[in-house]
Amino acid sequence: MPRIDTEPVDTEVARALLAEYVAARAASFPGRAYTPTTPDPAAFTPPAGVFVLLRDGDLPVGCGGIRRLTVEDAAVRYEVKHLFLRPETRGRGWGRLLLEELEQRARSFGATELVLDTHHTLEAAAALYAASGFRTIPPYNDNPNATRWYRKPLT
């Protein structure tokens, strides 16, 4: 059974998984116009956020994080970022484990909702988000890599 550990986003192992994620997105992105970003470690440090690694034994095979967004309404909004599983581990339900862990962490920080953005070509991700209670919303950011935006109330 895999385990999930908190890990600073700027450690060597976290950076390596994020590099795999970026390389995979860049290779498959329509028009090869993927714009990578480097996560700010402060944004993924509690209570502003958290970054986690999924390990199969000692091998890191996935990651994800949440970060708090500043909003003008009363919501306490956290954004899911960098959810990634190595291809050989997909289809085992581990993406759901990661997402559930991030939701639990967001709740522990007082979140009233989770949001995320993704690209329409990531069909398996869209299916995971829908099955996990996320619903499509209008864009909440100007991420050039996103074509779909989702929200899940946590109240």
C-alpha atoms as a PDB file:
ATOM      1  CA  MET A   1       0.000   0.000   0.000  1.00  0.00           C
ATOM      2  CA  PRO A   2       1.390   3.422  -0.867  1.00  0.00           C
ATOM      3  CA  ARG A   3       2.039   6.066   1.754  1.00  0.00           C
ATOM      4  CA  ILE A   4       1.771   9.837   1.586  1.00  0.00           C
ATOM      5  CA  ASP A   5       4.365  12.065   3.254  1.00  0.00           C
ATOM      6  CA  THR A   6       4.625  15.825   3.570  1.00  0.00           C
ATOM      7  CA  GLU A   7       7.652  17.070   1.655  1.00  0.00           C
ATOM      8  CA  PRO A   8       8.922  20.598   1.025  1.00  0.00           C
ATOM      9  CA  VAL A   9       8.359  21.437  -2.629  1.00  0.00           C
ATOM     10  CA  ASP A  10      11.987  22.461  -3.096  1.00  0.00           C
ATOM     11  CA  THR A  11      13.651  19.193  -2.013  1.00  0.00           C
ATOM     12  CA  GLU A  12      15.587  17.160  -4.544  1.00  0.00           C
ATOM     13  CA  VAL A  13      12.977  14.383  -4.727  1.00  0.00           C
ATOM     14  CA  ALA A  14      10.067  16.842  -5.088  1.00  0.00           C
ATOM     15  CA  ARG A  15      11.915  18.795  -7.790  1.00  0.00           C
ATOM     16  CA  ALA A  16      12.629  15.547  -9.664  1.00  0.00           C
ATOM     17  CA  LEU A  17       8.957  14.527  -9.699  1.00  0.00           C
ATOM     18  CA  LEU A  18       7.902  18.022 -10.742  1.00  0.00           C
ATOM     19  CA  ALA A  19      10.471  17.935 -13.562  1.00  0.00           C
ATOM     20  CA  GLU A  20       8.918  14.652 -14.782  1.00  0.00           C
ATOM     21  CA  TYR A  21       5.472  16.261 -14.614  1.00  0.00           C
ATOM     22  CA  VAL A  22       6.594  19.314 -16.605  1.00  0.00           C
ATOM     23  CA  ALA A  23       8.407  17.194 -19.198  1.00  0.00           C
ATOM     24  CA  ALA A  24       5.349  14.979 -19.701  1.00  0.00           C
ATOM     25  CA  ARG A  25       3.022  17.965 -20.053  1.00  0.00           C
ATOM     26  CA  ALA A  26       5.371  19.760 -22.436  1.00  0.00           C
ATOM     27  CA  ALA A  27       5.745  16.645 -24.628  1.00  0.00           C
ATOM     28  CA  SER A  28       1.997  16.107 -24.974  1.00  0.00           C
ATOM     29  CA  PHE A  29       0.709  19.677 -24.855  1.00  0.00           C
ATOM     30  CA  PRO A  30      -1.142  20.798 -28.005  1.00  0.00           C
ATOM     31  CA  GLY A  31       1.140  22.934 -30.144  1.00  0.00           C
ATOM     32  CA  ARG A  32       3.972  22.274 -27.681  1.00  0.00           C
ATOM     33  CA  ALA A  33       3.190  25.649 -26.076  1.00  0.00           C
ATOM     34  CA  TYR A  34       3.252  24.511 -22.440  1.00  0.00           C
ATOM     35  CA  THR A  35       4.393  27.230 -20.023  1.00  0.00           C
ATOM     36  CA  PRO A  36       6.107  25.663 -16.979  1.00  0.00           C
ATOM     37  CA  THR A  37       6.078  27.360 -13.583  1.00  0.00           C
ATOM     38  CA  THR A  38       8.306  26.909 -10.572  1.00  0.00           C
ATOM     39  CA  PRO A  39       6.408  26.467  -7.304  1.00  0.00           C
ATOM     40  CA  ASP A  40       7.106  29.033  -4.596  1.00  0.00           C
ATOM     41  CA  PRO A  41       8.154  27.027  -1.505  1.00  0.00           C
ATOM     42  CA  ALA A  42       6.416  29.516   0.825  1.00  0.00           C
ATOM     43  CA  ALA A  43       3.077  28.871  -0.894  1.00  0.00           C
ATOM     44  CA  PHE A  44       3.338  25.175  -0.013  1.00  0.00           C
ATOM     45  CA  THR A  45       4.372  25.624   3.624  1.00  0.00           C
ATOM     46  CA  PRO A  46       1.630  25.189   6.279  1.00  0.00           C
ATOM     47  CA  PRO A  47      -0.737  26.868   6.836  1.00  0.00           C
ATOM     48  CA  ALA A  48      -0.381  28.632   3.456  1.00  0.00           C
ATOM     49  CA  GLY A  49      -0.343  25.223   1.811  1.00  0.00           C
ATOM     50  CA  VAL A  50       1.315  21.852   1.751  1.00  0.00           C
ATOM     51  CA  PHE A  51       3.108  19.592  -0.718  1.00  0.00           C
ATOM     52  CA  VAL A  52       2.973  15.805  -0.459  1.00  0.00           C
ATOM     53  CA  LEU A  53       4.703  12.856  -2.073  1.00  0.00           C
ATOM     54  CA  LEU A  54       3.147   9.479  -2.717  1.00  0.00           C
ATOM     55  CA  ARG A  55       5.605   6.624  -2.232  1.00  0.00           C
ATOM     56  CA  ASP A  56       5.377   3.010  -3.266  1.00  0.00           C
ATOM     57  CA  GLY A  57       7.692   1.543  -0.654  1.00  0.00           C
ATOM     58  CA  ASP A  58      10.635   3.928  -0.729  1.00  0.00           C
ATOM     59  CA  LEU A  59      10.103   4.974  -4.355  1.00  0.00           C
ATOM     60  CA  PRO A  60       8.459   8.377  -4.903  1.00  0.00           C
ATOM     61  CA  VAL A  61       5.793   7.879  -7.585  1.00  0.00           C
ATOM     62  CA  GLY A  62       3.492  10.872  -7.287  1.00  0.00           C
ATOM     63  CA  CYS A  63       2.976  14.293  -5.817  1.00  0.00           C
ATOM     64  CA  GLY A  64       0.554  17.129  -5.324  1.00  0.00           C
ATOM     65  CA  GLY A  65       0.003  20.244  -3.332  1.00  0.00           C
ATOM     66  CA  ILE A  66      -2.467  22.847  -2.195  1.00  0.00           C
ATOM     67  CA  ARG A  67      -1.925  26.546  -1.709  1.00  0.00           C
ATOM     68  CA  ARG A  68      -4.188  29.195  -0.250  1.00  0.00           C
ATOM     69  CA  LEU A  69      -5.580  31.766  -2.637  1.00  0.00           C
ATOM     70  CA  THR A  70      -6.511  35.274  -1.610  1.00  0.00           C
ATOM     71  CA  VAL A  71     -10.151  35.961  -2.427  1.00  0.00           C
ATOM     72  CA  GLU A  72     -12.407  38.962  -1.919  1.00  0.00           C
ATOM     73  CA  ASP A  73     -15.376  37.001  -0.572  1.00  0.00           C
ATOM     74  CA  ALA A  74     -15.684  35.056   2.680  1.00  0.00           C
ATOM     75  CA  ALA A  75     -14.394  31.810   1.173  1.00  0.00           C
ATOM     76  CA  VAL A  76     -11.233  30.163   2.443  1.00  0.00           C
ATOM     77  CA  ARG A  77     -10.024  28.887  -0.918  1.00  0.00           C
ATOM     78  CA  TYR A  78      -7.172  26.482  -1.542  1.00  0.00           C
ATOM     79  CA  GLU A  79      -5.979  25.501  -4.995  1.00  0.00           C
ATOM     80  CA  VAL A  80      -4.858  21.994  -5.958  1.00  0.00           C
ATOM     81  CA  LYS A  81      -1.561  22.146  -7.859  1.00  0.00           C
ATOM     82  CA  HIS A  82       0.909  19.759  -9.490  1.00  0.00           C
ATOM     83  CA  LEU A  83      -1.127  16.571  -9.047  1.00  0.00           C
ATOM     84  CA  PHE A  84       1.008  13.951 -10.773  1.00  0.00           C
ATOM     85  CA  LEU A  85       1.499  10.197 -10.858  1.00  0.00           C
ATOM     86  CA  ARG A  86       4.182   8.393 -12.788  1.00  0.00           C
ATOM     87  CA  PRO A  87       2.516   6.678 -15.770  1.00  0.00           C
ATOM     88  CA  GLU A  88       3.305   3.141 -14.589  1.00  0.00           C
ATOM     89  CA  THR A  89       1.284   3.721 -11.387  1.00  0.00           C
ATOM     90  CA  ARG A  90      -1.882   5.077 -12.965  1.00  0.00           C
ATOM     91  CA  GLY A  91      -5.140   3.143 -12.781  1.00  0.00           C
ATOM     92  CA  ARG A  92      -4.553   1.952  -9.211  1.00  0.00           C
ATOM     93  CA  GLY A  93      -6.680   4.596  -7.459  1.00  0.00           C
ATOM     94  CA  TRP A  94      -3.620   6.432  -6.194  1.00  0.00           C
ATOM     95  CA  GLY A  95      -4.654   9.720  -7.824  1.00  0.00           C
ATOM     96  CA  ARG A  96      -7.812   9.581  -5.741  1.00  0.00           C
ATOM     97  CA  LEU A  97      -5.687   8.895  -2.630  1.00  0.00           C
ATOM     98  CA  LEU A  98      -3.590  11.969  -3.352  1.00  0.00           C
ATOM     99  CA  LEU A  99      -6.616  14.154  -4.002  1.00  0.00           C
ATOM    100  CA  GLU A 100      -8.378  12.934  -0.841  1.00  0.00           C
ATOM    101  CA  GLU A 101      -5.243  13.637   1.203  1.00  0.00           C
ATOM    102  CA  LEU A 102      -5.011  17.163  -0.193  1.00  0.00           C
ATOM    103  CA  GLU A 103      -8.689  17.762   0.537  1.00  0.00           C
ATOM    104  CA  GLN A 104      -8.205  16.562   4.109  1.00  0.00           C
ATOM    105  CA  ARG A 105      -5.210  18.869   4.521  1.00  0.00           C
ATOM    106  CA  ALA A 106      -7.215  21.806   3.110  1.00  0.00           C
ATOM    107  CA  ARG A 107     -10.021  21.110   5.581  1.00  0.00           C
ATOM    108  CA  SER A 108      -7.493  21.062   8.438  1.00  0.00           C
ATOM    109  CA  PHE A 109      -6.404  24.576   7.355  1.00  0.00           C
ATOM    110  CA  GLY A 110     -10.027  25.770   7.485  1.00  0.00           C
ATOM    111  CA  ALA A 111     -10.726  25.676   3.741  1.00  0.00           C
ATOM    112  CA  THR A 112     -14.319  26.134   2.648  1.00  0.00           C
ATOM    113  CA  GLU A 113     -13.574  25.225  -0.963  1.00  0.00           C
ATOM    114  CA  LEU A 114     -11.006  23.740  -3.298  1.00  0.00           C
ATOM    115  CA  VAL A 115     -10.380  24.925  -6.840  1.00  0.00           C
ATOM    116  CA  LEU A 116      -8.120  23.720  -9.602  1.00  0.00           C
ATOM    117  CA  ASP A 117      -7.373  24.268 -13.245  1.00  0.00           C
ATOM    118  CA  THR A 118      -6.412  21.753 -15.898  1.00  0.00           C
ATOM    119  CA  HIS A 119      -6.288  21.210 -19.627  1.00  0.00           C
ATOM    120  CA  HIS A 120      -9.088  19.512 -21.554  1.00  0.00           C
ATOM    121  CA  THR A 121      -6.650  16.932 -22.966  1.00  0.00           C
ATOM    122  CA  LEU A 122      -6.196  15.423 -19.486  1.00  0.00           C
ATOM    123  CA  GLU A 123      -9.330  13.277 -19.682  1.00  0.00           C
ATOM    124  CA  ALA A 124      -8.392  10.896 -16.841  1.00  0.00           C
ATOM    125  CA  ALA A 125      -7.779  13.881 -14.567  1.00  0.00           C
ATOM    126  CA  ALA A 126     -11.145  15.389 -15.517  1.00  0.00           C
ATOM    127  CA  ALA A 127     -12.853  12.083 -14.698  1.00  0.00           C
ATOM    128  CA  LEU A 128     -11.097  11.943 -11.317  1.00  0.00           C
ATOM    129  CA  TYR A 129     -12.133  15.508 -10.471  1.00  0.00           C
ATOM    130  CA  ALA A 130     -15.757  14.920 -11.474  1.00  0.00           C
ATOM    131  CA  ALA A 131     -15.923  11.652  -9.493  1.00  0.00           C
ATOM    132  CA  SER A 132     -14.448  13.490  -6.491  1.00  0.00           C
ATOM    133  CA  GLY A 133     -17.169  16.147  -6.450  1.00  0.00           C
ATOM    134  CA  PHE A 134     -15.521  18.953  -8.426  1.00  0.00           C
ATOM    135  CA  ARG A 135     -17.773  20.922 -10.782  1.00  0.00           C
ATOM    136  CA  THR A 136     -16.835  23.091 -13.753  1.00  0.00           C
ATOM    137  CA  ILE A 137     -16.681  26.839 -13.058  1.00  0.00           C
ATOM    138  CA  PRO A 138     -15.712  29.949 -15.028  1.00  0.00           C
ATOM    139  CA  PRO A 139     -11.977  30.737 -15.091  1.00  0.00           C
ATOM    140  CA  TYR A 140     -10.635  32.089 -11.799  1.00  0.00           C
ATOM    141  CA  ASN A 141      -7.112  32.736 -13.123  1.00  0.00           C
ATOM    142  CA  ASP A 142      -5.247  33.403 -16.347  1.00  0.00           C
ATOM    143  CA  ASN A 143      -3.167  30.224 -16.467  1.00  0.00           C
ATOM    144  CA  PRO A 144      -2.094  29.842 -20.125  1.00  0.00           C
ATOM    145  CA  ASN A 145      -1.972  26.035 -19.709  1.00  0.00           C
ATOM    146  CA  ALA A 146      -5.584  25.739 -18.515  1.00  0.00           C
ATOM    147  CA  THR A 147      -8.772  25.283 -20.499  1.00  0.00           C
ATOM    148  CA  ARG A 148     -10.967  23.978 -17.648  1.00  0.00           C
ATOM    149  CA  TRP A 149     -11.513  25.223 -14.105  1.00  0.00           C
ATOM    150  CA  TYR A 150     -13.165  23.338 -11.244  1.00  0.00           C
ATOM    151  CA  ARG A 151     -14.482  24.003  -7.735  1.00  0.00           C
ATOM    152  CA  LYS A 152     -15.528  21.783  -4.837  1.00  0.00           C
ATOM    153  CA  PRO A 153     -17.269  23.242  -1.781  1.00  0.00           C
ATOM    154  CA  LEU A 154     -16.007  21.767   1.487  1.00  0.00           C
ATOM    155  CA  THR A 155     -18.734  23.032   3.799  1.00  0.00           C
END
